C-alpha atoms as a PDB file:
ATOM      1  CA  MET A   1       0.056  -0.067  -0.017  1.00  0.00           C
ATOM      2  CA  ASN A   2       1.105   3.490  -0.659  1.00  0.00           C
ATOM      3  CA  SER A   3       2.019   5.878   2.210  1.00  0.00           C
ATOM      4  CA  MET A   4      -1.099   7.106   3.963  1.00  0.00           C
ATOM      5  CA  LYS A   5      -2.490  10.381   2.710  1.00  0.00           C
ATOM      6  CA  TYR A   6      -4.967  12.704   4.314  1.00  0.00           C
ATOM      7  CA  LEU A   7      -7.434  14.517   2.138  1.00  0.00           C
ATOM      8  CA  VAL A   8      -8.573  17.835   3.951  1.00  0.00           C
ATOM      9  CA  ASP A   9     -11.171  19.935   2.359  1.00  0.00           C
ATOM     10  CA  ILE A  10     -10.855  23.460   3.575  1.00  0.00           C
ATOM     11  CA  SER A  11     -12.967  26.709   3.151  1.00  0.00           C
ATOM     12  CA  VAL A  12     -11.175  29.724   4.416  1.00  0.00           C
ATOM     13  CA  GLU A  13     -13.719  32.674   4.912  1.00  0.00           C
ATOM     14  CA  PRO A  14     -12.353  36.177   5.626  1.00  0.00           C
ATOM     15  CA  ILE A  15     -14.820  38.211   7.438  1.00  0.00           C
ATOM     16  CA  GLY A  16     -14.945  42.208   7.622  1.00  0.00           C
ATOM     17  CA  THR A  17     -13.323  42.894   4.302  1.00  0.00           C
ATOM     18  CA  ASN A  18     -14.461  45.954   2.184  1.00  0.00           C
ATOM     19  CA  SER A  19     -15.838  43.597  -0.535  1.00  0.00           C
ATOM     20  CA  THR A  20     -18.113  40.693  -1.273  1.00  0.00           C
ATOM     21  CA  SER A  21     -15.376  39.176  -3.315  1.00  0.00           C
ATOM     22  CA  ILE A  22     -12.744  36.966  -1.751  1.00  0.00           C
ATOM     23  CA  SER A  23     -10.791  35.885  -4.969  1.00  0.00           C
ATOM     24  CA  ARG A  24      -7.777  38.066  -3.756  1.00  0.00           C
ATOM     25  CA  TYR A  25      -7.797  36.002  -0.486  1.00  0.00           C
ATOM     26  CA  VAL A  26      -8.155  32.735  -2.176  1.00  0.00           C
ATOM     27  CA  LYS A  27      -5.026  33.382  -4.309  1.00  0.00           C
ATOM     28  CA  LEU A  28      -3.129  34.248  -1.196  1.00  0.00           C
ATOM     29  CA  VAL A  29      -4.018  30.851   0.424  1.00  0.00           C
ATOM     30  CA  TYR A  30      -2.930  29.210  -2.773  1.00  0.00           C
ATOM     31  CA  GLU A  31       0.413  31.040  -2.768  1.00  0.00           C
ATOM     32  CA  VAL A  32       0.737  29.714   0.938  1.00  0.00           C
ATOM     33  CA  LEU A  33      -0.054  26.334   0.012  1.00  0.00           C
ATOM     34  CA  LYS A  34       2.366  26.430  -3.091  1.00  0.00           C
ATOM     35  CA  ALA A  35       5.248  27.706  -0.670  1.00  0.00           C
ATOM     36  CA  LYS A  36       4.691  24.846   1.663  1.00  0.00           C
ATOM     37  CA  GLY A  37       4.887  22.356  -1.252  1.00  0.00           C
ATOM     38  CA  ILE A  38       1.412  21.141  -0.378  1.00  0.00           C
ATOM     39  CA  LYS A  39      -0.592  19.447  -3.252  1.00  0.00           C
ATOM     40  CA  PHE A  40      -3.956  21.034  -3.497  1.00  0.00           C
ATOM     41  CA  TYR A  41      -7.193  20.820  -5.884  1.00  0.00           C
ATOM     42  CA  PRO A  42      -9.174  24.050  -5.906  1.00  0.00           C
ATOM     43  CA  ALA A  43     -12.868  23.601  -6.312  1.00  0.00           C
ATOM     44  CA  PRO A  44     -15.558  26.589  -6.399  1.00  0.00           C
ATOM     45  CA  SER A  45     -16.456  26.377  -2.689  1.00  0.00           C
ATOM     46  CA  MET A  46     -13.621  24.422  -1.028  1.00  0.00           C
ATOM     47  CA  THR A  47      -9.979  23.340  -1.850  1.00  0.00           C
ATOM     48  CA  THR A  48      -8.701  19.817  -1.239  1.00  0.00           C
ATOM     49  CA  LEU A  49      -5.297  19.481   0.457  1.00  0.00           C
ATOM     50  CA  GLU A  50      -3.365  16.220   0.161  1.00  0.00           C
ATOM     51  CA  ILE A  51      -1.178  15.980   3.220  1.00  0.00           C
ATOM     52  CA  ASP A  52       1.152  13.089   4.503  1.00  0.00           C
ATOM     53  CA  ASP A  53       1.268  14.266   8.202  1.00  0.00           C
ATOM     54  CA  ILE A  54      -2.117  15.256   9.838  1.00  0.00           C
ATOM     55  CA  THR A  55      -0.026  16.906  12.677  1.00  0.00           C
ATOM     56  CA  GLN A  56       1.013  19.631  10.428  1.00  0.00           C
ATOM     57  CA  LEU A  57      -2.467  20.806   9.576  1.00  0.00           C
ATOM     58  CA  GLY A  58      -2.467  23.225  12.407  1.00  0.00           C
ATOM     59  CA  TYR A  59       0.598  24.818  11.144  1.00  0.00           C
ATOM     60  CA  ILE A  60      -0.885  24.969   7.595  1.00  0.00           C
ATOM     61  CA  ILE A  61      -3.961  26.811   8.917  1.00  0.00           C
ATOM     62  CA  LYS A  62      -1.824  29.092  11.110  1.00  0.00           C
ATOM     63  CA  ASP A  63       0.161  30.324   8.141  1.00  0.00           C
ATOM     64  CA  ILE A  64      -2.906  30.693   6.183  1.00  0.00           C
ATOM     65  CA  ASP A  65      -4.368  32.916   8.907  1.00  0.00           C
ATOM     66  CA  ASP A  66      -1.194  34.724   9.445  1.00  0.00           C
ATOM     67  CA  THR A  67      -0.928  35.697   5.705  1.00  0.00           C
ATOM     68  CA  LEU A  68      -4.580  36.803   5.701  1.00  0.00           C
ATOM     69  CA  ALA A  69      -4.163  39.041   8.872  1.00  0.00           C
ATOM     70  CA  LYS A  70      -1.158  40.713   7.326  1.00  0.00           C
ATOM     71  CA  GLU A  71      -3.569  41.824   4.492  1.00  0.00           C
ATOM     72  CA  GLY A  72      -5.798  43.373   7.172  1.00  0.00           C
ATOM     73  CA  VAL A  73      -8.325  40.581   7.731  1.00  0.00           C
ATOM     74  CA  LYS A  74      -9.310  40.668  11.213  1.00  0.00           C
ATOM     75  CA  ARG A  75     -11.461  37.596  11.384  1.00  0.00           C
ATOM     76  CA  ILE A  76     -11.200  34.363   9.507  1.00  0.00           C
ATOM     77  CA  VAL A  77     -13.506  31.311   9.630  1.00  0.00           C
ATOM     78  CA  THR A  78     -12.166  28.074   8.443  1.00  0.00           C
ATOM     79  CA  ILE A  79     -14.235  25.050   7.701  1.00  0.00           C
ATOM     80  CA  MET A  80     -12.632  21.561   7.288  1.00  0.00           C
ATOM     81  CA  LYS A  81     -13.374  18.007   6.414  1.00  0.00           C
ATOM     82  CA  ILE A  82     -10.653  15.270   6.971  1.00  0.00           C
ATOM     83  CA  ASP A  83     -10.762  12.067   4.970  1.00  0.00           C
ATOM     84  CA  ASP A  84      -8.478   9.617   6.851  1.00  0.00           C
ATOM     85  CA  ARG A  85      -8.971   6.369   4.521  1.00  0.00           C
ATOM     86  CA  ARG A  86      -6.745   3.430   5.628  1.00  0.00           C
ATOM     87  CA  ASP A  87      -8.033   0.697   3.544  1.00  0.00           C
ATOM     88  CA  LYS A  88      -6.812   1.692   0.176  1.00  0.00           C
ATOM     89  CA  GLU A  89      -5.057   4.559  -1.676  1.00  0.00           C
ATOM     90  CA  ASN A  90      -6.354   8.047  -0.585  1.00  0.00           C
ATOM     91  CA  SER A  91      -5.079  10.732  -2.938  1.00  0.00           C
ATOM     92  CA  ILE A  92      -6.466  13.475  -5.262  1.00  0.00           C
ATOM     93  CA  GLU A  93      -5.675  11.658  -8.267  1.00  0.00           C
ATOM     94  CA  HIS A  94      -7.252   8.387  -7.055  1.00  0.00           C
ATOM     95  CA  LYS A  95     -10.619  10.168  -6.256  1.00  0.00           C
ATOM     96  CA  LEU A  96     -10.519  12.040  -9.453  1.00  0.00           C
ATOM     97  CA  LYS A  97     -10.110   8.942 -11.648  1.00  0.00           C
ATOM     98  CA  ALA A  98     -12.683   7.133  -9.777  1.00  0.00           C
ATOM     99  CA  ILE A  99     -15.336   9.794 -10.760  1.00  0.00           C
ATOM    100  CA  LYS A 100     -14.053  10.325 -14.257  1.00  0.00           C
ATOM    101  CA  MET A 101     -16.792  10.017 -16.884  1.00  0.00           C
END
């Protein structure tokens, strides 16, 4: 079996900005993920991360929050769903292949 991967869906919501648009902040989140070397898959409402070590998740979220705070965001709500599958491969590619039409 391949090394265990965790799939984590996150939605990071900056609150109290001067606009209803959040694309600027989403791009900043993606830059944090890229800088940390984290594989991710963007979707319209959430982003799926593929990580090897679940204990790093707190540091990832902290880096995201710190980056947004530096841009003036005063409140950030993060919603997460963690997929910890241990009976077979758990990767972004595997899931996408499984649903491909």
